[in-house]
């Protein structure tokens, strides 16, 4: 389950600048507010550091948001931290490219 894979304080910052807490984002997806049909990776950059990492991915994302389906050119920047030996996403910021 996605909830278990994300850090407790995980947030998603939308293109609008709205910082959405994990529980709210998961509930919005469950309610059909966000429906991700496909995500195709265009390129990826991983910048590891001691105990943290940043993953930056440019994608072509086919998604329906609030009832409107569109192809989005998303730049997703995700910061990771460690939970024991496991890397967990702490926050993602979505912009366009």
C-alpha atoms as a PDB file:
ATOM      1  CA  UNK A   1       0.000   0.000   0.000  1.00  0.00           C
ATOM      2  CA  UNK A   2       1.314   3.441  -0.946  1.00  0.00           C
ATOM      3  CA  UNK A   3       0.630   4.804   2.537  1.00  0.00           C
ATOM      4  CA  UNK A   4       3.180   2.365   3.984  1.00  0.00           C
ATOM      5  CA  UNK A   5       5.860   3.324   1.453  1.00  0.00           C
ATOM      6  CA  UNK A   6       5.775   7.067   2.169  1.00  0.00           C
ATOM      7  CA  UNK A   7       7.232   8.803   5.200  1.00  0.00           C
ATOM      8  CA  UNK A   8       4.781   9.749   7.962  1.00  0.00           C
ATOM      9  CA  UNK A   9       5.196  13.447   7.272  1.00  0.00           C
ATOM     10  CA  UNK A  10       5.235  13.060   3.477  1.00  0.00           C
ATOM     11  CA  UNK A  11       3.867  16.007   1.492  1.00  0.00           C
ATOM     12  CA  UNK A  12       3.189  16.615  -2.185  1.00  0.00           C
ATOM     13  CA  UNK A  13       3.654  20.175  -3.380  1.00  0.00           C
ATOM     14  CA  UNK A  14       1.445  20.736  -6.419  1.00  0.00           C
ATOM     15  CA  UNK A  15       2.170  23.003  -9.384  1.00  0.00           C
ATOM     16  CA  UNK A  16      -0.134  25.538  -7.741  1.00  0.00           C
ATOM     17  CA  UNK A  17       2.165  25.670  -4.709  1.00  0.00           C
ATOM     18  CA  UNK A  18      -0.335  23.885  -2.486  1.00  0.00           C
ATOM     19  CA  UNK A  19       1.447  21.584  -0.030  1.00  0.00           C
ATOM     20  CA  UNK A  20      -0.792  18.560   0.427  1.00  0.00           C
ATOM     21  CA  UNK A  21      -0.288  16.216   3.393  1.00  0.00           C
ATOM     22  CA  UNK A  22       0.020  12.512   2.650  1.00  0.00           C
ATOM     23  CA  UNK A  23      -3.350  11.498   4.122  1.00  0.00           C
ATOM     24  CA  UNK A  24      -5.178  14.183   2.152  1.00  0.00           C
ATOM     25  CA  UNK A  25      -3.460  13.223  -1.127  1.00  0.00           C
ATOM     26  CA  UNK A  26      -4.190   9.520  -0.631  1.00  0.00           C
ATOM     27  CA  UNK A  27      -7.831  10.302   0.186  1.00  0.00           C
ATOM     28  CA  UNK A  28      -8.101  12.483  -2.940  1.00  0.00           C
ATOM     29  CA  UNK A  29      -6.787   9.634  -5.091  1.00  0.00           C
ATOM     30  CA  UNK A  30      -9.173   7.165  -3.454  1.00  0.00           C
ATOM     31  CA  UNK A  31     -12.055   9.581  -4.174  1.00  0.00           C
ATOM     32  CA  UNK A  32     -10.999   9.807  -7.850  1.00  0.00           C
ATOM     33  CA  UNK A  33      -9.842  13.425  -7.724  1.00  0.00           C
ATOM     34  CA  UNK A  34      -6.464  12.308  -9.097  1.00  0.00           C
ATOM     35  CA  UNK A  35      -6.354   9.331 -11.470  1.00  0.00           C
ATOM     36  CA  UNK A  36      -2.939   8.452 -12.882  1.00  0.00           C
ATOM     37  CA  UNK A  37      -3.348   6.444 -16.111  1.00  0.00           C
ATOM     38  CA  UNK A  38       0.339   6.225 -17.043  1.00  0.00           C
ATOM     39  CA  UNK A  39       3.674   7.785 -16.219  1.00  0.00           C
ATOM     40  CA  UNK A  40       6.564   7.554 -18.691  1.00  0.00           C
ATOM     41  CA  UNK A  41      10.012   8.482 -17.458  1.00  0.00           C
ATOM     42  CA  UNK A  42      11.870  10.867 -19.773  1.00  0.00           C
ATOM     43  CA  UNK A  43      15.037  11.229 -17.694  1.00  0.00           C
ATOM     44  CA  UNK A  44      16.192  10.751 -14.122  1.00  0.00           C
ATOM     45  CA  UNK A  45      18.900  12.259 -11.917  1.00  0.00           C
ATOM     46  CA  UNK A  46      19.767  10.804  -8.508  1.00  0.00           C
ATOM     47  CA  UNK A  47      21.789  12.949  -6.106  1.00  0.00           C
ATOM     48  CA  UNK A  48      22.688  10.862  -3.040  1.00  0.00           C
ATOM     49  CA  UNK A  49      24.180  12.349   0.101  1.00  0.00           C
ATOM     50  CA  UNK A  50      25.019  10.916   3.496  1.00  0.00           C
ATOM     51  CA  UNK A  51      21.645   9.555   4.699  1.00  0.00           C
ATOM     52  CA  UNK A  52      19.569  11.593   2.223  1.00  0.00           C
ATOM     53  CA  UNK A  53      18.946  11.537  -1.508  1.00  0.00           C
ATOM     54  CA  UNK A  54      17.135  13.622  -4.090  1.00  0.00           C
ATOM     55  CA  UNK A  55      15.545  11.993  -7.116  1.00  0.00           C
ATOM     56  CA  UNK A  56      14.569  14.311  -9.970  1.00  0.00           C
ATOM     57  CA  UNK A  57      12.481  12.797 -12.756  1.00  0.00           C
ATOM     58  CA  UNK A  58      11.009  14.381 -15.873  1.00  0.00           C
ATOM     59  CA  UNK A  59       7.887  12.486 -16.900  1.00  0.00           C
ATOM     60  CA  UNK A  60       5.100  12.452 -19.412  1.00  0.00           C
ATOM     61  CA  UNK A  61       2.106  11.748 -17.185  1.00  0.00           C
ATOM     62  CA  UNK A  62      -1.384  10.880 -18.402  1.00  0.00           C
ATOM     63  CA  UNK A  63      -3.618  11.905 -15.512  1.00  0.00           C
ATOM     64  CA  UNK A  64      -7.154  12.989 -14.784  1.00  0.00           C
ATOM     65  CA  UNK A  65      -7.311  15.837 -12.257  1.00  0.00           C
ATOM     66  CA  UNK A  66     -10.718  17.012 -11.062  1.00  0.00           C
ATOM     67  CA  UNK A  67     -12.384  15.293 -14.022  1.00  0.00           C
ATOM     68  CA  UNK A  68     -10.127  16.649 -16.795  1.00  0.00           C
ATOM     69  CA  UNK A  69      -7.746  14.185 -18.435  1.00  0.00           C
ATOM     70  CA  UNK A  70      -4.508  15.671 -19.808  1.00  0.00           C
ATOM     71  CA  UNK A  71      -0.951  14.722 -20.672  1.00  0.00           C
ATOM     72  CA  UNK A  72       1.297  16.514 -18.194  1.00  0.00           C
ATOM     73  CA  UNK A  73       5.013  17.231 -18.606  1.00  0.00           C
ATOM     74  CA  UNK A  74       5.924  16.888 -14.946  1.00  0.00           C
ATOM     75  CA  UNK A  75       9.199  17.498 -13.186  1.00  0.00           C
ATOM     76  CA  UNK A  76       9.016  15.529  -9.934  1.00  0.00           C
ATOM     77  CA  UNK A  77      11.637  16.191  -7.284  1.00  0.00           C
ATOM     78  CA  UNK A  78      11.493  13.747  -4.376  1.00  0.00           C
ATOM     79  CA  UNK A  79      13.599  13.945  -1.223  1.00  0.00           C
ATOM     80  CA  UNK A  80      14.354  10.632   0.496  1.00  0.00           C
ATOM     81  CA  UNK A  81      15.535   9.732   3.969  1.00  0.00           C
ATOM     82  CA  UNK A  82      16.393   6.483   5.692  1.00  0.00           C
ATOM     83  CA  UNK A  83      14.139   4.265   7.774  1.00  0.00           C
ATOM     84  CA  UNK A  84      16.652   1.691   8.925  1.00  0.00           C
ATOM     85  CA  UNK A  85      18.118   0.293   5.708  1.00  0.00           C
ATOM     86  CA  UNK A  86      15.152   1.445   3.595  1.00  0.00           C
ATOM     87  CA  UNK A  87      14.926   4.674   1.621  1.00  0.00           C
ATOM     88  CA  UNK A  88      11.567   6.408   2.077  1.00  0.00           C
ATOM     89  CA  UNK A  89      10.095   9.396   0.234  1.00  0.00           C
ATOM     90  CA  UNK A  90       9.723  12.425   2.520  1.00  0.00           C
ATOM     91  CA  UNK A  91       8.353  15.004   0.104  1.00  0.00           C
ATOM     92  CA  UNK A  92       7.725  15.484  -3.591  1.00  0.00           C
ATOM     93  CA  UNK A  93       7.503  18.775  -5.445  1.00  0.00           C
ATOM     94  CA  UNK A  94       5.733  18.730  -8.827  1.00  0.00           C
ATOM     95  CA  UNK A  95       6.346  21.399 -11.449  1.00  0.00           C
ATOM     96  CA  UNK A  96       6.210  21.394 -15.230  1.00  0.00           C
ATOM     97  CA  UNK A  97       9.045  21.391 -17.738  1.00  0.00           C
END
